Amino acid sequence: CGSPLPAPVSGDCPHCRELQPSFGSGRALFLLTGTGRNFVHGVKYHGDRSLLVDLPSLMEQSPDFRDHFEGAILVPVPLHRRRLRARGYNQSAWIAKALAASGGSDVEAHFLLKRIRNTRTQTTLSREQRMRNVENALALYPGKRLDRARRYVIVDDVFTTGATLEACARVLREAGVEQVDVAALGHG
């Protein structure tokens, strides 16, 4: 899931054992505290796309994060059309495009998923409520073709419980994709 651990653990981290994810691995660029929280909130809640100009230098400081995108198709977490209309932008789409631009010539961003049910915001929900909230809320865009041999990385702004990223991963897995990973700017 990309959660930083204070010491090496054998097997999955405690968070992943509880989630039992459909995705293979995850990375987060930083913890969602202090400057990291301000960065994510600036992009997500204030629409400050200019902050993403700093992604290449942030990725240089975290080679493991940068390498996570090598050869991947990046898939932003979709917003429901009502939320997109109200907000005016999808921050996950901005992040995926910025990561693709910073990731090299073999990294692409594609809009493959669609939110088919308008869900409540996840910010105040418990883990169980978040899982139920996004259940059956996502689908593959009609007519989109997937290269099952490629690796797909679902991109979001924040990894908190993993409910949204897990729901997206399940859709790609059910469509036959074998290698699905996840990434977020912040973890927390």
Protein backbone atom coordinates (compact mmCIF):
# COMPACT_ATOMS: atom_id res chain seq x y z
CA CYS A 1 0.00 0.00 0.00
CA GLY A 2 3.00 2.30 0.24
CA SER A 3 2.70 2.90 3.96
CA PRO A 4 6.09 3.63 5.49
CA LEU A 5 6.96 1.13 8.18
CA PRO A 6 9.30 1.83 11.10
CA ALA A 7 11.09 -1.49 10.62
CA PRO A 8 11.10 -4.31 8.08
CA VAL A 9 8.24 -6.78 8.44
CA SER A 10 7.97 -10.30 7.12
CA GLY A 11 5.15 -10.63 4.60
CA ASP A 12 2.57 -7.90 4.15
CA CYS A 13 2.29 -4.87 6.36
CA PRO A 14 -0.51 -4.94 8.96
CA HIS A 15 -2.62 -2.55 6.87
CA CYS A 16 -2.42 -4.80 3.79
CA ARG A 17 -3.22 -7.91 5.80
CA GLU A 18 -6.46 -6.23 6.88
CA LEU A 19 -7.28 -4.89 3.40
CA GLN A 20 -6.35 -8.06 1.48
CA PRO A 21 -5.90 -6.01 -1.69
CA SER A 22 -6.56 -7.04 -5.26
CA PHE A 23 -3.63 -4.88 -6.32
CA GLY A 24 -0.05 -6.07 -6.20
CA SER A 25 1.89 -3.20 -4.66
CA GLY A 26 1.52 0.44 -3.85
CA ARG A 27 3.61 3.53 -3.35
CA ALA A 28 3.00 6.89 -1.74
CA LEU A 29 5.26 9.86 -2.33
CA PHE A 30 4.92 11.18 1.22
CA LEU A 31 2.97 10.96 4.45
CA LEU A 32 -0.14 13.10 4.63
CA THR A 33 1.25 15.37 7.34
CA GLY A 34 2.64 18.90 7.39
CA THR A 35 3.91 19.95 3.99
CA GLY A 36 2.56 16.78 2.35
CA ARG A 37 -0.95 17.52 3.59
CA ASN A 38 -0.68 21.13 2.38
CA PHE A 39 0.51 19.93 -1.03
CA VAL A 40 -2.39 17.47 -1.47
CA HIS A 41 -4.99 19.89 -0.09
CA GLY A 42 -3.70 22.63 -2.40
CA VAL A 43 -4.24 20.40 -5.42
CA LYS A 44 -7.44 18.68 -4.26
CA TYR A 45 -9.43 21.39 -2.54
CA HIS A 46 -8.00 24.57 -4.03
CA GLY A 47 -7.39 23.40 -7.60
CA ASP A 48 -3.78 24.55 -7.51
CA ARG A 49 -2.48 22.57 -10.46
CA SER A 50 0.75 24.59 -10.44
CA LEU A 51 1.95 22.58 -7.42
CA LEU A 52 2.33 19.55 -9.69
CA VAL A 53 5.25 21.28 -11.42
CA ASP A 54 7.28 20.17 -8.38
CA LEU A 55 6.51 16.47 -8.91
CA PRO A 56 9.67 15.70 -10.94
CA SER A 57 11.95 17.06 -8.21
CA LEU A 58 9.93 15.31 -5.48
CA MET A 59 10.18 12.06 -7.44
CA GLU A 60 13.95 12.49 -7.78
CA GLN A 61 14.12 12.45 -3.98
CA SER A 62 12.15 9.19 -3.93
CA PRO A 63 13.53 6.87 -6.64
CA ASP A 64 11.40 3.96 -5.44
CA PHE A 65 8.27 6.03 -6.14
CA ARG A 66 9.53 7.10 -9.59
CA ASP A 67 10.54 3.55 -10.53
CA HIS A 68 7.07 2.28 -9.57
CA PHE A 69 5.69 3.80 -12.81
CA GLU A 70 8.22 2.31 -15.21
CA GLY A 71 6.41 0.87 -18.25
CA ALA A 72 2.98 1.40 -16.69
CA ILE A 73 -0.36 2.68 -17.85
CA LEU A 74 -1.55 5.14 -15.23
CA VAL A 75 -5.29 5.10 -14.49
CA PRO A 76 -6.68 8.04 -12.50
CA VAL A 77 -9.46 7.42 -10.00
CA PRO A 78 -12.59 8.86 -11.62
CA LEU A 79 -15.01 11.35 -10.12
CA HIS A 80 -18.74 11.06 -10.66
CA ARG A 81 -19.96 13.52 -13.29
CA ARG A 82 -21.88 15.52 -10.66
CA ARG A 83 -18.81 15.95 -8.44
CA LEU A 84 -16.67 16.73 -11.46
CA ARG A 85 -19.14 19.40 -12.57
CA ALA A 86 -19.28 20.91 -9.06
CA ARG A 87 -15.49 20.87 -8.52
CA GLY A 88 -14.51 21.64 -12.10
CA TYR A 89 -11.55 19.26 -12.21
CA ASN A 90 -10.40 15.77 -11.26
CA GLN A 91 -7.23 16.07 -9.18
CA SER A 92 -6.38 12.39 -9.72
CA ALA A 93 -6.41 12.97 -13.48
CA TRP A 94 -4.08 15.94 -13.05
CA ILE A 95 -1.75 13.85 -10.89
CA ALA A 96 -1.76 10.91 -13.34
CA LYS A 97 -0.92 13.20 -16.27
CA ALA A 98 1.87 14.89 -14.30
CA LEU A 99 3.30 11.52 -13.26
CA ALA A 100 3.15 10.25 -16.85
CA ALA A 101 4.96 13.36 -18.08
CA SER A 102 7.64 12.86 -15.42
CA GLY A 103 7.88 9.10 -15.77
CA GLY A 104 9.56 8.73 -19.13
CA SER A 105 8.51 7.70 -22.62
CA ASP A 106 7.13 4.31 -21.58
CA VAL A 107 4.57 5.73 -19.11
CA GLU A 108 1.09 6.70 -20.29
CA ALA A 109 -2.06 7.97 -18.58
CA HIS A 110 -5.46 6.68 -19.76
CA PHE A 111 -9.01 7.29 -18.56
CA LEU A 112 -10.30 3.73 -18.29
CA LEU A 113 -12.63 3.84 -15.32
CA LYS A 114 -15.95 5.54 -14.80
CA ARG A 115 -17.79 6.26 -11.55
CA ILE A 116 -21.30 4.97 -12.20
CA ARG A 117 -22.72 5.80 -8.79
CA ASN A 118 -22.40 9.14 -7.02
CA THR A 119 -20.90 8.23 -3.65
CA ARG A 120 -20.59 10.21 -0.44
CA THR A 121 -17.27 11.81 0.35
CA GLN A 122 -15.06 9.32 2.19
CA THR A 123 -13.40 11.79 4.58
CA THR A 124 -15.63 11.16 7.63
CA LEU A 125 -16.41 7.47 7.04
CA SER A 126 -14.97 4.46 8.87
CA ARG A 127 -13.04 1.76 7.00
CA GLU A 128 -16.14 -0.45 6.72
CA GLN A 129 -18.32 2.46 5.60
CA ARG A 130 -15.75 3.43 2.98
CA MET A 131 -15.69 -0.09 1.58
CA ARG A 132 -19.50 -0.18 1.33
CA ASN A 133 -19.61 3.36 -0.06
CA VAL A 134 -17.53 2.51 -3.16
CA GLU A 135 -18.92 -0.99 -3.66
CA ASN A 136 -20.25 -1.30 -7.24
CA ALA A 137 -19.60 2.42 -7.81
CA LEU A 138 -17.00 1.97 -10.57
CA ALA A 139 -16.91 0.37 -13.99
CA LEU A 140 -14.75 0.13 -17.05
CA TYR A 141 -15.54 2.84 -19.59
CA PRO A 142 -17.63 1.30 -22.41
CA GLY A 143 -15.54 0.49 -25.45
CA LYS A 144 -12.18 0.78 -23.68
CA ARG A 145 -9.73 -1.97 -24.57
CA LEU A 146 -7.15 -3.20 -22.14
CA ASP A 147 -3.76 -4.68 -22.92
CA ARG A 148 -3.76 -7.52 -20.42
CA ALA A 149 0.00 -7.92 -20.80
CA ARG A 150 0.67 -4.36 -19.54
CA ARG A 151 0.94 -3.21 -15.95
CA TYR A 152 -1.66 -0.72 -14.76
CA VAL A 153 -1.15 1.66 -11.85
CA ILE A 154 -4.25 3.29 -10.38
CA VAL A 155 -3.48 6.85 -9.27
CA ASP A 156 -5.20 8.83 -6.52
CA ASP A 157 -4.34 11.83 -4.41
CA VAL A 158 -4.49 10.04 -1.04
CA PHE A 159 -4.34 6.47 0.24
CA THR A 160 -6.18 6.33 3.55
CA THR A 161 -7.96 3.00 3.97
CA GLY A 162 -7.45 1.88 0.38
CA ALA A 163 -11.19 1.43 -0.26
CA THR A 164 -11.33 3.50 -3.45
CA LEU A 165 -8.10 2.14 -4.90
CA GLU A 166 -9.23 -1.41 -4.06
CA ALA A 167 -12.58 -0.85 -5.81
CA CYS A 168 -10.75 0.39 -8.91
CA ALA A 169 -8.31 -2.54 -8.82
CA ARG A 170 -11.20 -5.02 -8.66
CA VAL A 171 -12.74 -3.54 -11.82
CA LEU A 172 -9.47 -3.94 -13.74
CA ARG A 173 -8.92 -7.45 -12.38
CA GLU A 174 -12.45 -8.49 -13.37
CA ALA A 175 -11.69 -7.16 -16.86
CA GLY A 176 -8.76 -9.59 -17.06
CA VAL A 177 -5.80 -7.37 -16.18
CA GLU A 178 -3.18 -9.45 -14.39
CA GLN A 179 -0.87 -6.78 -13.01
CA VAL A 180 -2.56 -3.94 -11.12
CA ASP A 181 -0.70 -1.68 -8.71
CA VAL A 182 -1.62 1.60 -7.00
CA ALA A 183 0.00 4.93 -6.18
CA ALA A 184 -0.95 8.07 -4.30
CA LEU A 185 0.73 11.33 -3.49
CA GLY A 186 -0.03 11.08 0.22
CA HIS A 187 -0.56 8.22 2.64
CA GLY A 188 -2.44 8.80 5.84
